[in-house]
């Protein structure tokens, strides 16, 4: 019976993973897709616990319970603004698990491993160690524990290449001649060090792509672990994770006009001296600031409004108030839509999730390619906390670290309103030239407070009109 039930659970698990991933491709089906994936994972866990090689659950069940409690608490209380860091940390934990399982398998069966299994095990340990330390570095940069700016030194690429080459050579040596000697710890150290140095030179502007790429590495490591353990569910889940993470990285690189080589080895996010000088010149230029009353008067007469959400909206949790502003404008006959840049916020889909949380209709949320040409007909472009993805320097300053990155064309609107706490540079460390245009009004303050002020003014104007 066990020989029949376990394969059946793994088949159900793999099917639900695929169907669930398909559901995540659209907001309307995302919740259902996620639920199916969770059920699939539960089936995989049950199938694994029924495996005949598991003879004692006294250590396993408490660990499962502890992990469930930690995961539940993190999911319940971690805000959406911290979700990118949460994802990076999850990648680190998953990769560490793969590396530890690979280590245990190696020391238990080193002299009896076939060439195929030994090769899969070395891939598992190598990618798991790289992903573990790389994800911790990404977490530290996103959290602000480590400098978000790239850290570079002379000969860095040569050092990285030497570390990676040494790790691969040691892994091949262990495949050819597997023994429990100093070579295996050396492989772990080399791979972990390479993971650290891989992420250190990458700046904040490229961090979403790096997280996605690390997700792909973790998936491939999991698939390799499935091959080592002969676990079908792990192979399917790891392959799906690795492939989806890789494709997402490609899409994000294209969205930022980057290549993988540039992201991983180009130290993007580090402004050159010329770019920094340009930023200083921009900071000396005047800006026009306005209060909620003046902004509300302009919005009241607008008939075409495009809202551009960004990380500042996420930090302030202002999506509900922004929706109220949109509803008040729509009551006056305006058409209000939302423009989403592929890398707005600090992870793919960050803004889409926040707007869905506020029950913004899906048909009002448009990707950059769908709406960019419409900014020229917009009466007002309301930028709420977005910075780098609206910066004209991406088109005009060749010495800028974001040069060439496709941006939302908010500068083409008749009036631009920017909700921002202050004049600090964006995540890429580049001053935004948009703030100094004659048509731009700066609404300084917390995004939620500014949006609340706009709601009050618009409601007051409606009352006076009645």
Protein backbone atom coordinates (compact mmCIF):
# COMPACT_ATOMS: atom_id res chain seq x y z
CA UNK A 1 0.00 0.00 0.00
CA UNK A 2 2.83 2.41 0.88
CA UNK A 3 4.49 1.78 -2.49
CA UNK A 4 1.25 2.87 -4.15
CA UNK A 5 0.37 5.84 -1.93
CA UNK A 6 3.75 7.60 -2.01
CA UNK A 7 4.02 7.85 -5.84
CA UNK A 8 0.36 8.89 -5.99
CA UNK A 9 0.96 11.72 -3.47
CA UNK A 10 4.02 12.85 -5.42
CA UNK A 11 2.02 12.83 -8.66
CA UNK A 12 -0.73 14.92 -7.05
CA UNK A 13 1.91 17.24 -5.60
CA UNK A 14 3.69 17.83 -8.91
CA UNK A 15 0.40 18.42 -10.72
CA UNK A 16 -0.76 20.95 -8.12
CA UNK A 17 2.60 22.75 -8.30
CA UNK A 18 2.24 23.17 -12.07
CA UNK A 19 -1.43 24.22 -11.91
CA UNK A 20 -0.71 26.55 -8.99
CA UNK A 21 2.17 28.22 -10.83
CA UNK A 22 -0.09 28.71 -13.83
CA UNK A 23 -2.67 30.39 -11.56
CA UNK A 24 -0.08 32.89 -10.35
CA UNK A 25 0.17 34.40 -13.83
CA UNK A 26 -2.99 36.49 -13.33
CA UNK A 27 -4.26 38.46 -10.30
CA UNK A 28 -7.74 36.95 -10.53
CA UNK A 29 -6.45 33.40 -10.17
CA UNK A 30 -3.36 34.08 -8.04
CA UNK A 31 -5.02 33.35 -4.67
CA UNK A 32 -6.45 30.06 -5.93
CA UNK A 33 -3.13 29.12 -7.53
CA UNK A 34 -1.27 29.77 -4.29
CA UNK A 35 -3.75 27.65 -2.35
CA UNK A 36 -3.30 24.75 -4.80
CA UNK A 37 0.49 25.03 -4.46
CA UNK A 38 0.19 24.92 -0.65
CA UNK A 39 -1.95 21.77 -0.89
CA UNK A 40 0.62 20.30 -3.25
CA UNK A 41 3.40 20.98 -0.77
CA UNK A 42 1.38 19.39 2.03
CA UNK A 43 0.92 16.29 -0.13
CA UNK A 44 4.66 16.18 -0.82
CA UNK A 45 5.48 16.43 2.90
CA UNK A 46 3.04 13.64 3.78
CA UNK A 47 4.43 11.45 1.00
CA UNK A 48 7.97 12.01 2.26
CA UNK A 49 7.04 11.22 5.88
CA UNK A 50 5.58 7.89 4.70
CA UNK A 51 8.90 6.90 3.13
CA UNK A 52 10.18 3.57 4.53
CA UNK A 53 13.65 5.01 5.22
CA UNK A 54 12.14 7.30 7.87
CA UNK A 55 12.12 5.15 10.97
CA UNK A 56 11.77 7.75 13.72
CA UNK A 57 9.66 10.94 13.71
CA UNK A 58 10.72 12.21 17.14
CA UNK A 59 13.11 14.78 15.65
CA UNK A 60 11.21 15.41 12.44
CA UNK A 61 7.76 16.34 13.76
CA UNK A 62 9.00 18.96 16.30
CA UNK A 63 11.10 20.51 13.53
CA UNK A 64 8.07 20.61 11.21
CA UNK A 65 5.97 22.22 13.94
CA UNK A 66 8.68 24.78 14.76
CA UNK A 67 9.11 25.68 11.10
CA UNK A 68 5.35 26.03 10.65
CA UNK A 69 5.12 28.38 13.64
CA UNK A 70 8.03 30.54 12.44
CA UNK A 71 6.64 30.68 8.90
CA UNK A 72 3.14 31.51 10.12
CA UNK A 73 4.35 34.33 12.35
CA UNK A 74 6.48 35.79 9.56
CA UNK A 75 3.57 35.63 7.11
CA UNK A 76 1.14 37.19 9.58
CA UNK A 77 3.18 40.06 10.92
CA UNK A 78 5.76 40.89 8.26
CA UNK A 79 4.62 43.96 6.28
CA UNK A 80 4.55 44.06 2.50
CA UNK A 81 7.42 46.56 2.57
CA UNK A 82 9.65 43.84 4.02
CA UNK A 83 8.57 41.15 1.57
CA UNK A 84 11.71 41.39 -0.63
CA UNK A 85 13.90 40.82 2.43
CA UNK A 86 11.59 37.98 3.48
CA UNK A 87 11.99 36.32 0.08
CA UNK A 88 15.78 36.68 0.19
CA UNK A 89 15.80 35.10 3.64
CA UNK A 90 13.59 32.23 2.43
CA UNK A 91 16.03 31.57 -0.40
CA UNK A 92 18.86 31.48 2.14
CA UNK A 93 17.03 28.98 4.36
CA UNK A 94 16.06 26.73 1.44
CA UNK A 95 19.58 26.78 0.01
CA UNK A 96 21.10 26.05 3.42
CA UNK A 97 18.76 23.07 3.80
CA UNK A 98 19.87 21.74 0.42
CA UNK A 99 23.56 22.18 1.29
CA UNK A 100 23.12 20.48 4.67
CA UNK A 101 21.20 17.55 3.19
CA UNK A 102 23.87 17.18 0.51
CA UNK A 103 26.58 17.26 3.17
CA UNK A 104 24.86 14.56 5.21
CA UNK A 105 24.32 12.38 2.15
CA UNK A 106 27.96 12.74 1.13
CA UNK A 107 29.39 11.75 4.49
CA UNK A 108 26.92 8.83 4.77
CA UNK A 109 27.47 7.38 1.29
CA UNK A 110 30.69 8.92 -0.07
CA UNK A 111 32.35 5.66 -1.09
CA UNK A 112 29.21 4.14 -2.66
CA UNK A 113 27.97 7.07 -4.76
CA UNK A 114 27.49 6.50 -8.47
CA UNK A 115 28.96 9.07 -10.85
CA UNK A 116 25.51 10.44 -11.67
CA UNK A 117 24.44 10.82 -8.03
CA UNK A 118 27.82 12.26 -7.05
CA UNK A 119 27.53 14.86 -9.83
CA UNK A 120 24.01 15.82 -8.74
CA UNK A 121 25.17 16.02 -5.12
CA UNK A 122 28.06 18.33 -5.96
CA UNK A 123 25.71 20.62 -7.92
CA UNK A 124 23.36 20.62 -4.95
CA UNK A 125 26.06 21.53 -2.44
CA UNK A 126 27.80 24.05 -4.71
CA UNK A 127 24.62 25.95 -5.68
CA UNK A 128 23.15 25.63 -2.19
CA UNK A 129 26.23 27.20 -0.57
CA UNK A 130 26.45 29.97 -3.18
CA UNK A 131 22.75 30.77 -2.83
CA UNK A 132 22.87 30.71 0.98
CA UNK A 133 25.59 33.33 1.40
CA UNK A 134 24.46 35.33 -1.64
CA UNK A 135 20.90 35.51 -0.32
CA UNK A 136 22.13 36.61 3.10
CA UNK A 137 24.07 39.41 1.41
CA UNK A 138 20.96 40.40 -0.56
CA UNK A 139 18.92 40.38 2.66
CA UNK A 140 21.48 42.61 4.38
CA UNK A 141 21.51 45.11 1.51
CA UNK A 142 17.72 45.28 1.27
CA UNK A 143 17.34 45.58 5.04
CA UNK A 144 19.93 48.33 5.24
CA UNK A 145 22.19 46.30 7.53
CA UNK A 146 24.85 46.34 4.81
CA UNK A 147 25.64 49.22 2.43
CA UNK A 148 23.23 49.24 -0.50
CA UNK A 149 25.90 50.72 -2.71
CA UNK A 150 28.17 48.30 -4.62
CA UNK A 151 31.44 47.36 -2.97
CA UNK A 152 34.20 46.91 -5.51
CA UNK A 153 37.96 46.43 -5.40
CA UNK A 154 40.67 46.03 -8.04
CA UNK A 155 40.71 42.60 -9.63
CA UNK A 156 37.33 41.66 -8.16
CA UNK A 157 36.09 39.85 -11.25
CA UNK A 158 39.33 37.87 -11.47
CA UNK A 159 38.98 36.86 -7.82
CA UNK A 160 35.38 35.78 -8.34
CA UNK A 161 36.32 33.77 -11.41
CA UNK A 162 39.21 32.12 -9.56
CA UNK A 163 36.95 31.16 -6.63
CA UNK A 164 34.26 29.74 -8.90
CA UNK A 165 36.80 27.81 -10.98
CA UNK A 166 38.44 26.39 -7.86
CA UNK A 167 35.06 25.31 -6.45
CA UNK A 168 34.10 23.57 -9.72
CA UNK A 169 37.47 21.80 -9.93
CA UNK A 170 37.21 20.55 -6.35
CA UNK A 171 33.67 19.35 -7.05
CA UNK A 172 34.86 17.45 -10.15
CA UNK A 173 37.71 15.93 -8.13
CA UNK A 174 35.22 14.72 -5.54
CA UNK A 175 33.03 13.18 -8.27
CA UNK A 176 36.00 11.30 -9.69
CA UNK A 177 37.45 10.32 -6.30
CA UNK A 178 34.88 10.66 -3.50
CA UNK A 179 36.47 10.51 -0.06
CA UNK A 180 35.61 12.12 3.29
CA UNK A 181 38.70 14.28 3.44
CA UNK A 182 39.49 18.00 3.50
CA UNK A 183 38.31 18.56 -0.06
CA UNK A 184 34.62 18.58 0.80
CA UNK A 185 34.89 21.29 3.52
CA UNK A 186 37.09 23.22 1.09
CA UNK A 187 34.28 23.06 -1.50
CA UNK A 188 31.79 24.45 1.02
CA UNK A 189 34.11 27.32 1.95
CA UNK A 190 34.94 28.21 -1.66
CA UNK A 191 31.28 28.17 -2.71
CA UNK A 192 30.15 30.20 0.30
CA UNK A 193 32.86 32.80 -0.26
CA UNK A 194 31.97 33.03 -3.95
CA UNK A 195 28.32 33.65 -3.00
CA UNK A 196 29.35 36.55 -0.78
CA UNK A 197 31.59 38.18 -3.36
CA UNK A 198 29.01 37.59 -6.10
CA UNK A 199 26.46 39.93 -4.48
CA UNK A 200 28.79 42.47 -2.84
CA UNK A 201 29.45 44.43 -6.08
CA UNK A 202 25.77 44.58 -7.04
CA UNK A 203 23.89 47.79 -6.27
CA UNK A 204 20.37 48.36 -5.08
CA UNK A 205 19.01 49.14 -8.54
CA UNK A 206 19.72 45.57 -9.67
CA UNK A 207 18.81 43.79 -6.42
CA UNK A 208 15.34 42.61 -7.58
CA UNK A 209 16.99 40.79 -10.48
CA UNK A 210 19.59 39.29 -8.17
CA UNK A 211 16.88 37.96 -5.83
CA UNK A 212 15.13 36.38 -8.79
CA UNK A 213 18.36 34.81 -10.01
CA UNK A 214 19.15 33.46 -6.53
CA UNK A 215 15.67 31.99 -6.54
CA UNK A 216 16.62 30.15 -9.71
CA UNK A 217 19.83 28.84 -8.13
CA UNK A 218 17.88 27.62 -5.09
CA UNK A 219 15.44 25.83 -7.40
CA UNK A 220 18.20 24.05 -9.32
CA UNK A 221 19.82 23.07 -6.02
CA UNK A 222 16.49 21.64 -4.85
CA UNK A 223 16.08 19.67 -8.09
CA UNK A 224 19.59 18.27 -7.68
CA UNK A 225 18.69 17.29 -4.12
CA UNK A 226 15.65 15.49 -5.49
CA UNK A 227 17.92 13.50 -7.83
CA UNK A 228 20.23 12.60 -4.95
CA UNK A 229 17.35 11.48 -2.72
CA UNK A 230 15.29 10.01 -5.58
CA UNK A 231 12.42 12.28 -4.53
CA UNK A 232 10.10 13.03 -7.46
CA UNK A 233 8.31 15.93 -5.76
CA UNK A 234 11.62 17.70 -5.08
CA UNK A 235 12.69 17.26 -8.69
CA UNK A 236 9.45 18.76 -10.01
CA UNK A 237 9.34 21.62 -7.49
CA UNK A 238 13.01 22.47 -7.97
CA UNK A 239 12.74 22.40 -11.76
CA UNK A 240 9.70 24.71 -11.68
CA UNK A 241 11.41 27.05 -9.23
CA UNK A 242 14.65 27.13 -11.19
CA UNK A 243 13.01 27.68 -14.57
CA UNK A 244 10.56 30.33 -13.37
CA UNK A 245 13.27 32.20 -11.49
CA UNK A 246 15.53 32.19 -14.52
CA UNK A 247 12.80 33.41 -16.88
CA UNK A 248 11.79 36.12 -14.42
CA UNK A 249 15.42 37.25 -14.19
CA UNK A 250 15.59 37.50 -17.98
CA UNK A 251 12.37 39.54 -18.11
CA UNK A 252 13.56 41.89 -15.36
CA UNK A 253 16.95 42.35 -16.98
CA UNK A 254 15.23 43.33 -20.20
CA UNK A 255 12.97 45.71 -18.27
CA UNK A 256 16.07 47.45 -16.92
CA UNK A 257 18.03 47.19 -20.18
CA UNK A 258 20.54 44.95 -18.44
CA UNK A 259 22.26 41.69 -19.33
CA UNK A 260 23.09 38.97 -16.83
CA UNK A 261 26.76 39.72 -17.29
CA UNK A 262 26.18 43.39 -16.47
CA UNK A 263 24.04 42.61 -13.45
CA UNK A 264 26.40 40.04 -11.98
CA UNK A 265 29.75 41.55 -12.87
CA UNK A 266 29.18 45.18 -13.82
CA UNK A 267 28.68 46.62 -10.31
CA UNK A 268 25.63 48.54 -11.47
CA UNK A 269 24.12 50.91 -8.96
CA UNK A 270 27.49 52.56 -8.41
CA UNK A 271 27.44 56.08 -9.76
CA UNK A 272 30.54 57.32 -11.47
CA UNK A 273 32.19 60.52 -10.34
CA UNK A 274 30.63 62.33 -13.27
CA UNK A 275 27.18 61.04 -12.41
CA UNK A 276 27.59 62.05 -8.79
CA UNK A 277 28.64 65.50 -9.88
CA UNK A 278 25.56 65.70 -12.06
CA UNK A 279 23.41 64.74 -9.12
CA UNK A 280 24.94 67.51 -7.09
CA UNK A 281 24.11 70.00 -9.82
CA UNK A 282 20.52 68.73 -9.88
CA UNK A 283 20.19 69.16 -6.14
CA UNK A 284 21.11 72.84 -6.52
CA UNK A 285 18.25 73.43 -8.96
CA UNK A 286 14.98 74.83 -7.58
CA UNK A 287 11.86 72.74 -7.04
CA UNK A 288 8.21 73.77 -6.83
CA UNK A 289 6.40 72.52 -3.77
CA UNK A 290 2.66 72.61 -3.18
CA UNK A 291 0.18 71.81 -0.45
CA UNK A 292 -2.81 69.50 -0.54
CA UNK A 293 -5.20 72.37 -1.29
CA UNK A 294 -3.38 73.48 -4.44
CA UNK A 295 -2.89 69.91 -5.61
CA UNK A 296 -6.57 69.11 -5.04
CA UNK A 297 -7.62 72.14 -7.12
CA UNK A 298 -5.53 70.89 -10.04
CA UNK A 299 -6.78 67.32 -9.66
CA UNK A 300 -10.39 68.50 -9.53
CA UNK A 301 -10.20 69.82 -13.09
CA UNK A 302 -8.26 66.84 -14.44
CA UNK A 303 -10.01 64.41 -16.75
CA UNK A 304 -7.14 61.98 -17.32
CA UNK A 305 -5.05 60.96 -14.29
CA UNK A 306 -2.35 58.30 -14.14
CA UNK A 307 -1.10 57.22 -10.73
CA UNK A 308 2.42 55.79 -10.48
CA UNK A 309 2.90 53.84 -7.22
CA UNK A 310 6.34 53.10 -5.80
CA UNK A 311 8.18 51.92 -2.74
CA UNK A 312 7.26 55.08 -0.82
CA UNK A 313 3.60 54.09 -1.05
CA UNK A 314 4.49 50.65 0.30
CA UNK A 315 6.45 52.09 3.23
CA UNK A 316 3.56 54.37 4.21
CA UNK A 317 0.90 51.71 3.51
CA UNK A 318 -0.93 54.43 1.57
CA UNK A 319 -2.60 52.25 -1.07
CA UNK A 320 -6.04 52.47 0.55
CA UNK A 321 -5.91 56.27 0.76
CA UNK A 322 -4.65 56.51 -2.81
CA UNK A 323 -7.64 54.45 -3.90
CA UNK A 324 -9.93 56.92 -2.09
CA UNK A 325 -8.32 59.77 -4.03
CA UNK A 326 -8.93 57.86 -7.26
CA UNK A 327 -12.59 57.22 -6.37
CA UNK A 328 -13.20 60.90 -5.61
CA UNK A 329 -11.66 61.87 -8.94
CA UNK A 330 -13.76 59.28 -10.76
CA UNK A 331 -16.88 60.72 -9.11
CA UNK A 332 -15.99 63.98 -10.88
CA UNK A 333 -15.82 62.21 -14.25
CA UNK A 334 -12.07 61.67 -14.44
CA UNK A 335 -10.52 58.49 -15.79
CA UNK A 336 -7.94 57.16 -13.32
CA UNK A 337 -5.47 54.41 -14.09
CA UNK A 338 -2.35 53.00 -12.44
CA UNK A 339 0.99 52.61 -14.23
CA UNK A 340 3.25 49.80 -13.02
CA UNK A 341 6.93 49.50 -13.85
CA UNK A 342 8.24 45.90 -13.92
CA UNK A 343 10.70 46.60 -11.10
CA UNK A 344 8.72 49.18 -9.11
CA UNK A 345 9.24 48.60 -5.41
CA UNK A 346 11.84 46.02 -4.48
CA UNK A 347 10.51 42.85 -6.04
CA UNK A 348 8.47 41.88 -9.11
CA UNK A 349 4.75 42.47 -8.63
CA UNK A 350 5.26 44.47 -5.43
CA UNK A 351 2.92 47.27 -6.48
CA UNK A 352 0.36 44.92 -8.03
CA UNK A 353 -0.01 43.10 -4.72
CA UNK A 354 -0.42 46.33 -2.77
CA UNK A 355 -3.09 47.67 -5.13
CA UNK A 356 -4.92 44.34 -5.12
CA UNK A 357 -4.89 44.52 -1.32
CA UNK A 358 -6.73 47.85 -1.61
CA UNK A 359 -9.28 46.28 -4.03
CA UNK A 360 -8.21 48.40 -6.99
CA UNK A 361 -9.93 46.90 -10.09
CA UNK A 362 -7.53 44.78 -12.14
CA UNK A 363 -8.43 46.52 -15.39
CA UNK A 364 -7.16 49.86 -14.01
CA UNK A 365 -3.67 48.46 -13.32
CA UNK A 366 -1.55 48.61 -16.48
CA UNK A 367 2.01 47.58 -17.21
CA UNK A 368 4.56 50.10 -18.48
CA UNK A 369 4.33 48.95 -22.10
CA UNK A 370 0.54 49.25 -22.07
CA UNK A 371 0.30 52.77 -20.68
CA UNK A 372 3.55 54.59 -21.43
CA UNK A 373 2.26 56.24 -24.61
CA UNK A 374 -0.79 57.58 -22.71
CA UNK A 375 1.17 59.90 -20.42
CA UNK A 376 1.26 62.54 -23.17
CA UNK A 377 -2.56 62.78 -22.98
CA UNK A 378 -2.69 62.76 -19.17
CA UNK A 379 -3.67 65.94 -17.35
CA UNK A 380 -1.90 64.79 -14.19
CA UNK A 381 0.67 62.09 -13.45
CA UNK A 382 0.59 61.45 -9.69
CA UNK A 383 3.83 59.76 -8.60
CA UNK A 384 3.52 58.20 -5.15
CA UNK A 385 6.93 57.25 -3.84
CA UNK A 386 8.39 55.99 -7.14
CA UNK A 387 11.85 57.30 -7.96
CA UNK A 388 14.32 55.49 -10.21
CA UNK A 389 11.59 54.15 -12.53
CA UNK A 390 10.51 57.73 -13.40
CA UNK A 391 13.96 59.33 -13.65
CA UNK A 392 14.64 61.00 -17.05
CA UNK A 393 18.36 60.51 -16.36
CA UNK A 394 17.87 56.96 -17.61
CA UNK A 395 17.51 58.50 -21.08
CA UNK A 396 19.70 61.57 -20.92
CA UNK A 397 22.78 60.83 -18.78
CA UNK A 398 25.11 58.21 -20.23
CA UNK A 399 27.25 58.31 -17.08
CA UNK A 400 24.27 57.41 -14.89
CA UNK A 401 24.11 53.86 -13.44
CA UNK A 402 20.48 53.61 -14.62
CA UNK A 403 21.19 54.84 -18.15
CA UNK A 404 19.28 52.76 -20.69
CA UNK A 405 16.72 51.46 -18.20
CA UNK A 406 13.18 51.80 -19.61
CA UNK A 407 11.20 54.25 -17.47
CA UNK A 408 7.61 55.38 -17.09
CA UNK A 409 7.22 58.50 -19.24
CA UNK A 410 5.62 60.63 -16.52
CA UNK A 411 7.46 63.76 -17.70
CA UNK A 412 5.19 63.80 -20.78
CA UNK A 413 2.09 64.58 -18.69
CA UNK A 414 0.78 68.16 -18.54
CA UNK A 415 1.32 68.31 -14.78
CA UNK A 416 3.42 65.99 -12.62
CA UNK A 417 2.80 65.65 -8.88
CA UNK A 418 5.37 63.80 -6.82
CA UNK A 419 4.58 62.60 -3.31
CA UNK A 420 7.86 62.16 -1.45
CA UNK A 421 9.27 62.58 2.04
CA UNK A 422 12.27 64.61 0.88
CA UNK A 423 14.79 65.09 -1.89
CA UNK A 424 16.89 62.00 -1.19
CA UNK A 425 18.07 59.98 -4.17
CA UNK A 426 16.39 56.72 -5.12
CA UNK A 427 17.46 53.14 -4.46
CA UNK A 428 20.05 53.38 -7.24
CA UNK A 429 21.59 56.44 -5.58
CA UNK A 430 20.79 58.81 -8.47
CA UNK A 431 19.16 62.23 -8.17
CA UNK A 432 15.84 62.36 -10.04
CA UNK A 433 15.81 65.09 -12.70
CA UNK A 434 12.01 64.89 -12.83
CA UNK A 435 11.74 66.86 -9.58
CA UNK A 436 13.27 69.98 -11.13
CA UNK A 437 11.00 70.31 -14.17
CA UNK A 438 8.78 73.40 -14.38
CA UNK A 439 5.67 71.22 -14.64
CA UNK A 440 6.48 69.21 -11.50
CA UNK A 441 4.89 69.92 -8.10
CA UNK A 442 6.48 68.31 -5.05
CA UNK A 443 4.07 67.22 -2.30
CA UNK A 444 6.44 66.65 0.57
CA UNK A 445 5.47 64.32 3.39
CA UNK A 446 4.48 60.78 4.25
CA UNK A 447 2.50 59.29 1.34
CA UNK A 448 -0.40 58.27 3.56
CA UNK A 449 -0.64 61.70 5.17
CA UNK A 450 -0.44 63.51 1.83
CA UNK A 451 -3.09 61.23 0.35
CA UNK A 452 -5.31 61.83 3.40
CA UNK A 453 -4.91 65.57 2.87
CA UNK A 454 -5.92 65.21 -0.77
CA UNK A 455 -8.99 63.21 0.27
CA UNK A 456 -10.02 65.91 2.74
CA UNK A 457 -9.57 68.70 0.21
CA UNK A 458 -11.42 66.86 -2.56
CA UNK A 459 -14.30 66.02 -0.22
CA UNK A 460 -14.43 69.63 0.96
CA UNK A 461 -14.57 70.87 -2.63
CA UNK A 462 -17.37 68.41 -3.38
CA UNK A 463 -19.34 69.65 -0.36
CA UNK A 464 -18.91 73.28 -1.42
CA UNK A 465 -20.02 72.45 -4.93
CA UNK A 466 -23.18 70.75 -3.65
